[in-house]
Amino acid sequence: MTESKEPITFSFEEGGTEYNLDDLNDEQKLLYNKLAMVERQKNDFVANANFEVEKLDILRVEYSRRLQEAVESESKVEVAK
């Protein structure tokens, strides 16, 4: 049983001319692969940056909660005097 492989195609703009990867020469394929690597790196970078922001937001909320708790418990002691 042979699997038919779907050809890899791409375009430079939505609705633009579709190019088949198999029709490219070696230099063009190399450029295509470099572009694909850069796009993957960019996506990874953005995903990692978003995760770092999420972690910082969680820490900010936690430290804010701790500070509020510390300040308000200190204030209650002063009022009790």
PDB file of N, CA and C in Angstrom:
ATOM      1  N   MET A   1       0.840  -1.173   0.000  1.00  0.00           N
ATOM      2  CA  MET A   1       0.000   0.000   0.000  1.00  0.00           C
ATOM      3  C   MET A   1       0.888   1.241   0.000  1.00  0.00           C
ATOM      4  N   THR A   2       0.743   2.062  -0.987  1.00  0.00           N
ATOM      5  CA  THR A   2       1.545   3.277  -1.075  1.00  0.00           C
ATOM      6  C   THR A   2       0.711   4.467  -0.631  1.00  0.00           C
ATOM      7  N   GLU A   3       1.391   5.341   0.105  1.00  0.00           N
ATOM      8  CA  GLU A   3       0.730   6.561   0.559  1.00  0.00           C
ATOM      9  C   GLU A   3       1.014   7.663  -0.448  1.00  0.00           C
ATOM     10  N   SER A   4      -0.044   8.332  -0.870  1.00  0.00           N
ATOM     11  CA  SER A   4       0.194   9.473  -1.754  1.00  0.00           C
ATOM     12  C   SER A   4       0.529  10.670  -0.892  1.00  0.00           C
ATOM     13  N   LYS A   5       1.635  11.302  -1.202  1.00  0.00           N
ATOM     14  CA  LYS A   5       2.130  12.426  -0.422  1.00  0.00           C
ATOM     15  C   LYS A   5       1.588  13.718  -1.020  1.00  0.00           C
ATOM     16  N   GLU A   6       0.953  14.503  -0.168  1.00  0.00           N
ATOM     17  CA  GLU A   6       0.410  15.796  -0.593  1.00  0.00           C
ATOM     18  C   GLU A   6       1.577  16.732  -0.901  1.00  0.00           C
ATOM     19  N   PRO A   7       1.575  17.382  -2.052  1.00  0.00           N
ATOM     20  CA  PRO A   7       2.678  18.293  -2.372  1.00  0.00           C
ATOM     21  C   PRO A   7       2.677  19.514  -1.443  1.00  0.00           C
ATOM     22  N   ILE A   8       3.861  19.974  -1.096  1.00  0.00           N
ATOM     23  CA  ILE A   8       4.002  21.167  -0.264  1.00  0.00           C
ATOM     24  C   ILE A   8       3.954  22.382  -1.176  1.00  0.00           C
ATOM     25  N   THR A   9       3.008  23.253  -0.888  1.00  0.00           N
ATOM     26  CA  THR A   9       2.889  24.479  -1.667  1.00  0.00           C
ATOM     27  C   THR A   9       2.929  25.678  -0.730  1.00  0.00           C
ATOM     28  N   PHE A  10       3.255  26.824  -1.290  1.00  0.00           N
ATOM     29  CA  PHE A  10       3.299  28.061  -0.510  1.00  0.00           C
ATOM     30  C   PHE A  10       3.008  29.231  -1.436  1.00  0.00           C
ATOM     31  N   SER A  11       2.660  30.345  -0.829  1.00  0.00           N
ATOM     32  CA  SER A  11       2.479  31.591  -1.586  1.00  0.00           C
ATOM     33  C   SER A  11       3.037  32.730  -0.748  1.00  0.00           C
ATOM     34  N   PHE A  12       3.260  33.853  -1.377  1.00  0.00           N
ATOM     35  CA  PHE A  12       3.838  34.988  -0.672  1.00  0.00           C
ATOM     36  C   PHE A  12       2.783  35.919  -0.093  1.00  0.00           C
ATOM     37  N   GLU A  13       1.546  35.727  -0.496  1.00  0.00           N
ATOM     38  CA  GLU A  13       0.447  36.517   0.053  1.00  0.00           C
ATOM     39  C   GLU A  13      -0.829  35.691  -0.045  1.00  0.00           C
ATOM     40  N   GLU A  14      -1.759  35.974   0.819  1.00  0.00           N
ATOM     41  CA  GLU A  14      -3.013  35.233   0.813  1.00  0.00           C
ATOM     42  C   GLU A  14      -3.717  35.412  -0.527  1.00  0.00           C
ATOM     43  N   GLY A  15      -4.068  34.303  -1.131  1.00  0.00           N
ATOM     44  CA  GLY A  15      -4.723  34.351  -2.432  1.00  0.00           C
ATOM     45  C   GLY A  15      -3.757  34.549  -3.594  1.00  0.00           C
ATOM     46  N   GLY A  16      -2.448  34.589  -3.292  1.00  0.00           N
ATOM     47  CA  GLY A  16      -1.447  34.798  -4.332  1.00  0.00           C
ATOM     48  C   GLY A  16      -1.114  33.511  -5.055  1.00  0.00           C
ATOM     49  N   THR A  17      -0.172  33.609  -5.961  1.00  0.00           N
ATOM     50  CA  THR A  17       0.270  32.463  -6.738  1.00  0.00           C
ATOM     51  C   THR A  17       0.805  31.381  -5.816  1.00  0.00           C
ATOM     52  N   GLU A  18       0.377  30.142  -6.040  1.00  0.00           N
ATOM     53  CA  GLU A  18       0.851  28.989  -5.270  1.00  0.00           C
ATOM     54  C   GLU A  18       2.063  28.394  -5.982  1.00  0.00           C
ATOM     55  N   TYR A  19       3.094  28.132  -5.214  1.00  0.00           N
ATOM     56  CA  TYR A  19       4.311  27.510  -5.726  1.00  0.00           C
ATOM     57  C   TYR A  19       4.461  26.137  -5.092  1.00  0.00           C
ATOM     58  N   ASN A  20       4.901  25.180  -5.875  1.00  0.00           N
ATOM     59  CA  ASN A  20       5.118  23.821  -5.408  1.00  0.00           C
ATOM     60  C   ASN A  20       6.588  23.670  -5.029  1.00  0.00           C
ATOM     61  N   LEU A  21       6.833  23.196  -3.824  1.00  0.00           N
ATOM     62  CA  LEU A  21       8.205  23.042  -3.347  1.00  0.00           C
ATOM     63  C   LEU A  21       9.023  22.118  -4.252  1.00  0.00           C
ATOM     64  N   ASP A  22       8.396  21.093  -4.784  1.00  0.00           N
ATOM     65  CA  ASP A  22       9.114  20.153  -5.658  1.00  0.00           C
ATOM     66  C   ASP A  22       9.579  20.799  -6.965  1.00  0.00           C
ATOM     67  N   ASP A  23       8.968  21.916  -7.355  1.00  0.00           N
ATOM     68  CA  ASP A  23       9.347  22.598  -8.597  1.00  0.00           C
ATOM     69  C   ASP A  23      10.524  23.556  -8.418  1.00  0.00           C
ATOM     70  N   LEU A  24      10.973  23.764  -7.182  1.00  0.00           N
ATOM     71  CA  LEU A  24      12.062  24.708  -6.938  1.00  0.00           C
ATOM     72  C   LEU A  24      13.414  24.065  -7.212  1.00  0.00           C
ATOM     73  N   ASN A  25      14.384  24.893  -7.590  1.00  0.00           N
ATOM     74  CA  ASN A  25      15.749  24.380  -7.740  1.00  0.00           C
ATOM     75  C   ASN A  25      16.395  24.293  -6.351  1.00  0.00           C
ATOM     76  N   ASP A  26      17.602  23.764  -6.288  1.00  0.00           N
ATOM     77  CA  ASP A  26      18.253  23.536  -4.998  1.00  0.00           C
ATOM     78  C   ASP A  26      18.446  24.820  -4.195  1.00  0.00           C
ATOM     79  N   GLU A  27      18.862  25.890  -4.846  1.00  0.00           N
ATOM     80  CA  GLU A  27      19.072  27.165  -4.143  1.00  0.00           C
ATOM     81  C   GLU A  27      17.748  27.685  -3.573  1.00  0.00           C
ATOM     82  N   GLN A  28      16.675  27.586  -4.357  1.00  0.00           N
ATOM     83  CA  GLN A  28      15.367  28.040  -3.900  1.00  0.00           C
ATOM     84  C   GLN A  28      14.866  27.183  -2.735  1.00  0.00           C
ATOM     85  N   LYS A  29      15.093  25.883  -2.803  1.00  0.00           N
ATOM     86  CA  LYS A  29      14.701  25.000  -1.701  1.00  0.00           C
ATOM     87  C   LYS A  29      15.463  25.349  -0.430  1.00  0.00           C
ATOM     88  N   LEU A  30      16.754  25.668  -0.590  1.00  0.00           N
ATOM     89  CA  LEU A  30      17.557  26.070   0.564  1.00  0.00           C
ATOM     90  C   LEU A  30      16.986  27.337   1.198  1.00  0.00           C
ATOM     91  N   LEU A  31      16.653  28.318   0.376  1.00  0.00           N
ATOM     92  CA  LEU A  31      16.053  29.553   0.892  1.00  0.00           C
ATOM     93  C   LEU A  31      14.709  29.284   1.562  1.00  0.00           C
ATOM     94  N   TYR A  32      13.908  28.411   0.962  1.00  0.00           N
ATOM     95  CA  TYR A  32      12.616  28.045   1.547  1.00  0.00           C
ATOM     96  C   TYR A  32      12.827  27.424   2.936  1.00  0.00           C
ATOM     97  N   ASN A  33      13.792  26.507   3.035  1.00  0.00           N
ATOM     98  CA  ASN A  33      14.074  25.854   4.317  1.00  0.00           C
ATOM     99  C   ASN A  33      14.588  26.837   5.361  1.00  0.00           C
ATOM    100  N   LYS A  34      15.417  27.781   4.944  1.00  0.00           N
ATOM    101  CA  LYS A  34      15.905  28.807   5.871  1.00  0.00           C
ATOM    102  C   LYS A  34      14.748  29.676   6.357  1.00  0.00           C
ATOM    103  N   LEU A  35      13.873  30.052   5.442  1.00  0.00           N
ATOM    104  CA  LEU A  35      12.694  30.839   5.821  1.00  0.00           C
ATOM    105  C   LEU A  35      11.822  30.062   6.804  1.00  0.00           C
ATOM    106  N   ALA A  36      11.609  28.783   6.554  1.00  0.00           N
ATOM    107  CA  ALA A  36      10.799  27.951   7.447  1.00  0.00           C
ATOM    108  C   ALA A  36      11.439  27.873   8.827  1.00  0.00           C
ATOM    109  N   MET A  37      12.778  27.752   8.890  1.00  0.00           N
ATOM    110  CA  MET A  37      13.472  27.708  10.179  1.00  0.00           C
ATOM    111  C   MET A  37      13.307  29.018  10.930  1.00  0.00           C
ATOM    112  N   VAL A  38      13.446  30.129  10.223  1.00  0.00           N
ATOM    113  CA  VAL A  38      13.293  31.435  10.865  1.00  0.00           C
ATOM    114  C   VAL A  38      11.865  31.609  11.388  1.00  0.00           C
ATOM    115  N   GLU A  39      10.889  31.181  10.623  1.00  0.00           N
ATOM    116  CA  GLU A  39       9.495  31.291  11.068  1.00  0.00           C
ATOM    117  C   GLU A  39       9.250  30.431  12.309  1.00  0.00           C
ATOM    118  N   ARG A  40       9.822  29.224  12.343  1.00  0.00           N
ATOM    119  CA  ARG A  40       9.682  28.367  13.534  1.00  0.00           C
ATOM    120  C   ARG A  40      10.350  29.006  14.737  1.00  0.00           C
ATOM    121  N   GLN A  41      11.542  29.579  14.541  1.00  0.00           N
ATOM    122  CA  GLN A  41      12.247  30.235  15.640  1.00  0.00           C
ATOM    123  C   GLN A  41      11.451  31.429  16.157  1.00  0.00           C
ATOM    124  N   LYS A  42      10.875  32.185  15.239  1.00  0.00           N
ATOM    125  CA  LYS A  42      10.062  33.338  15.645  1.00  0.00           C
ATOM    126  C   LYS A  42       8.859  32.876  16.462  1.00  0.00           C
ATOM    127  N   ASN A  43       8.172  31.843  15.983  1.00  0.00           N
ATOM    128  CA  ASN A  43       7.008  31.331  16.706  1.00  0.00           C
ATOM    129  C   ASN A  43       7.396  30.814  18.084  1.00  0.00           C
ATOM    130  N   ASP A  44       8.531  30.114  18.166  1.00  0.00           N
ATOM    131  CA  ASP A  44       9.022  29.636  19.458  1.00  0.00           C
ATOM    132  C   ASP A  44       9.363  30.799  20.374  1.00  0.00           C
ATOM    133  N   PHE A  45      10.013  31.817  19.831  1.00  0.00           N
ATOM    134  CA  PHE A  45      10.393  32.986  20.611  1.00  0.00           C
ATOM    135  C   PHE A  45       9.157  33.675  21.180  1.00  0.00           C
ATOM    136  N   VAL A  46       8.144  33.864  20.347  1.00  0.00           N
ATOM    137  CA  VAL A  46       6.905  34.515  20.790  1.00  0.00           C
ATOM    138  C   VAL A  46       6.211  33.662  21.857  1.00  0.00           C
ATOM    139  N   ALA A  47       6.159  32.359  21.639  1.00  0.00           N
ATOM    140  CA  ALA A  47       5.523  31.467  22.622  1.00  0.00           C
ATOM    141  C   ALA A  47       6.265  31.522  23.952  1.00  0.00           C
ATOM    142  N   ASN A  48       7.599  31.483  23.905  1.00  0.00           N
ATOM    143  CA  ASN A  48       8.387  31.565  25.136  1.00  0.00           C
ATOM    144  C   ASN A  48       8.222  32.910  25.822  1.00  0.00           C
ATOM    145  N   ALA A  49       8.203  33.980  25.052  1.00  0.00           N
ATOM    146  CA  ALA A  49       8.012  35.313  25.635  1.00  0.00           C
ATOM    147  C   ALA A  49       6.639  35.415  26.300  1.00  0.00           C
ATOM    148  N   ASN A  50       5.619  34.893  25.639  1.00  0.00           N
ATOM    149  CA  ASN A  50       4.280  34.914  26.233  1.00  0.00           C
ATOM    150  C   ASN A  50       4.241  34.111  27.524  1.00  0.00           C
ATOM    151  N   PHE A  51       4.937  32.982  27.555  1.00  0.00           N
ATOM    152  CA  PHE A  51       4.989  32.170  28.768  1.00  0.00           C
ATOM    153  C   PHE A  51       5.709  32.919  29.887  1.00  0.00           C
ATOM    154  N   GLU A  52       6.809  33.598  29.558  1.00  0.00           N
ATOM    155  CA  GLU A  52       7.535  34.379  30.567  1.00  0.00           C
ATOM    156  C   GLU A  52       6.656  35.497  31.123  1.00  0.00           C
ATOM    157  N   VAL A  53       5.905  36.164  30.264  1.00  0.00           N
ATOM    158  CA  VAL A  53       4.985  37.219  30.719  1.00  0.00           C
ATOM    159  C   VAL A  53       3.926  36.626  31.636  1.00  0.00           C
ATOM    160  N   GLU A  54       3.410  35.458  31.273  1.00  0.00           N
ATOM    161  CA  GLU A  54       2.410  34.795  32.110  1.00  0.00           C
ATOM    162  C   GLU A  54       2.985  34.477  33.495  1.00  0.00           C
ATOM    163  N   LYS A  55       4.218  33.961  33.532  1.00  0.00           N
ATOM    164  CA  LYS A  55       4.849  33.655  34.815  1.00  0.00           C
ATOM    165  C   LYS A  55       5.041  34.925  35.642  1.00  0.00           C
ATOM    166  N   LEU A  56       5.474  35.997  34.993  1.00  0.00           N
ATOM    167  CA  LEU A  56       5.671  37.255  35.719  1.00  0.00           C
ATOM    168  C   LEU A  56       4.351  37.810  36.239  1.00  0.00           C
ATOM    169  N   ASP A  57       3.284  37.673  35.474  1.00  0.00           N
ATOM    170  CA  ASP A  57       1.968  38.119  35.940  1.00  0.00           C
ATOM    171  C   ASP A  57       1.538  37.328  37.175  1.00  0.00           C
ATOM    172  N   ILE A  58       1.787  36.016  37.167  1.00  0.00           N
ATOM    173  CA  ILE A  58       1.439  35.182  38.318  1.00  0.00           C
ATOM    174  C   ILE A  58       2.240  35.617  39.541  1.00  0.00           C
ATOM    175  N   LEU A  59       3.533  35.837  39.366  1.00  0.00           N
ATOM    176  CA  LEU A  59       4.369  36.287  40.480  1.00  0.00           C
ATOM    177  C   LEU A  59       3.949  37.664  40.975  1.00  0.00           C
ATOM    178  N   ARG A  60       3.616  38.559  40.055  1.00  0.00           N
ATOM    179  CA  ARG A  60       3.177  39.905  40.444  1.00  0.00           C
ATOM    180  C   ARG A  60       1.928  39.831  41.312  1.00  0.00           C
ATOM    181  N   VAL A  61       0.973  39.024  40.907  1.00  0.00           N
ATOM    182  CA  VAL A  61      -0.262  38.870  41.680  1.00  0.00           C
ATOM    183  C   VAL A  61       0.040  38.280  43.053  1.00  0.00           C
ATOM    184  N   GLU A  62       0.891  37.263  43.095  1.00  0.00           N
ATOM    185  CA  GLU A  62       1.222  36.623  44.371  1.00  0.00           C
ATOM    186  C   GLU A  62       1.951  37.584  45.311  1.00  0.00           C
ATOM    187  N   TYR A  63       2.942  38.310  44.800  1.00  0.00           N
ATOM    188  CA  TYR A  63       3.662  39.260  45.659  1.00  0.00           C
ATOM    189  C   TYR A  63       2.758  40.401  46.098  1.00  0.00           C
ATOM    190  N   SER A  64       1.864  40.822  45.241  1.00  0.00           N
ATOM    191  CA  SER A  64       0.899  41.860  45.621  1.00  0.00           C
ATOM    192  C   SER A  64       0.007  41.352  46.747  1.00  0.00           C
ATOM    193  N   ARG A  65      -0.458  40.092  46.625  1.00  0.00           N
ATOM    194  CA  ARG A  65      -1.297  39.501  47.666  1.00  0.00           C
ATOM    195  C   ARG A  65      -0.537  39.417  48.986  1.00  0.00           C
ATOM    196  N   ARG A  66       0.719  38.980  48.921  1.00  0.00           N
ATOM    197  CA  ARG A  66       1.530  38.867  50.133  1.00  0.00           C
ATOM    198  C   ARG A  66       1.775  40.229  50.771  1.00  0.00           C
ATOM    199  N   LEU A  67       2.068  41.229  49.940  1.00  0.00           N
ATOM    200  CA  LEU A  67       2.303  42.574  50.465  1.00  0.00           C
ATOM    201  C   LEU A  67       1.040  43.111  51.115  1.00  0.00           C
ATOM    202  N   GLN A  68      -0.089  42.943  50.461  1.00  0.00           N
ATOM    203  CA  GLN A  68      -1.347  43.418  51.021  1.00  0.00           C
ATOM    204  C   GLN A  68      -1.621  42.740  52.365  1.00  0.00           C
ATOM    205  N   GLU A  69      -1.411  41.435  52.404  1.00  0.00           N
ATOM    206  CA  GLU A  69      -1.623  40.686  53.640  1.00  0.00           C
ATOM    207  C   GLU A  69      -0.698  41.200  54.747  1.00  0.00           C
ATOM    208  N   ALA A  70       0.561  41.435  54.424  1.00  0.00           N
ATOM    209  CA  ALA A  70       1.523  41.914  55.413  1.00  0.00           C
ATOM    210  C   ALA A  70       1.178  43.318  55.892  1.00  0.00           C
ATOM    211  N   VAL A  71       0.809  44.202  54.974  1.00  0.00           N
ATOM    212  CA  VAL A  71       0.481  45.581  55.339  1.00  0.00           C
ATOM    213  C   VAL A  71      -0.799  45.630  56.165  1.00  0.00           C
ATOM    214  N   GLU A  72      -1.803  44.894  55.744  1.00  0.00           N
ATOM    215  CA  GLU A  72      -3.075  44.936  56.450  1.00  0.00           C
ATOM    216  C   GLU A  72      -2.987  44.266  57.817  1.00  0.00           C
ATOM    217  N   SER A  73      -2.185  43.234  57.972  1.00  0.00           N
ATOM    218  CA  SER A  73      -2.043  42.612  59.291  1.00  0.00           C
ATOM    219  C   SER A  73      -1.260  43.528  60.215  1.00  0.00           C
ATOM    220  N   GLU A  74      -0.318  44.263  59.705  1.00  0.00           N
ATOM    221  CA  GLU A  74       0.440  45.242  60.480  1.00  0.00           C
ATOM    222  C   GLU A  74      -0.465  46.381  60.919  1.00  0.00           C
ATOM    223  N   SER A  75      -1.328  46.848  60.044  1.00  0.00           N
ATOM    224  CA  SER A  75      -2.240  47.943  60.347  1.00  0.00           C
ATOM    225  C   SER A  75      -3.216  47.551  61.447  1.00  0.00           C
ATOM    226  N   LYS A  76      -3.679  46.309  61.436  1.00  0.00           N
ATOM    227  CA  LYS A  76      -4.632  45.853  62.440  1.00  0.00           C
ATOM    228  C   LYS A  76      -3.992  45.867  63.819  1.00  0.00           C
ATOM    229  N   VAL A  77      -2.703  45.555  63.899  1.00  0.00           N
ATOM    230  CA  VAL A  77      -1.998  45.576  65.178  1.00  0.00           C
ATOM    231  C   VAL A  77      -1.928  47.004  65.696  1.00  0.00           C
ATOM    232  N   GLU A  78      -1.640  47.972  64.841  1.00  0.00           N
ATOM    233  CA  GLU A  78      -1.540  49.360  65.253  1.00  0.00           C
ATOM    234  C   GLU A  78      -2.881  49.886  65.734  1.00  0.00           C
ATOM    235  N   VAL A  79      -3.970  49.537  65.078  1.00  0.00           N
ATOM    236  CA  VAL A  79      -5.297  50.006  65.447  1.00  0.00           C
ATOM    237  C   VAL A  79      -5.687  49.450  66.818  1.00  0.00           C
ATOM    238  N   ALA A  80      -5.233  48.251  67.133  1.00  0.00           N
ATOM    239  CA  ALA A  80      -5.606  47.602  68.389  1.00  0.00           C
ATOM    240  C   ALA A  80      -4.965  48.297  69.597  1.00  0.00           C
ATOM    241  N   LYS A  81      -3.956  49.096  69.427  1.00  0.00           N
ATOM    242  CA  LYS A  81      -3.254  49.747  70.561  1.00  0.00           C
ATOM    243  C   LYS A  81      -4.127  50.709  71.287  1.00  0.00           C
TER     244      LYS A  81
END
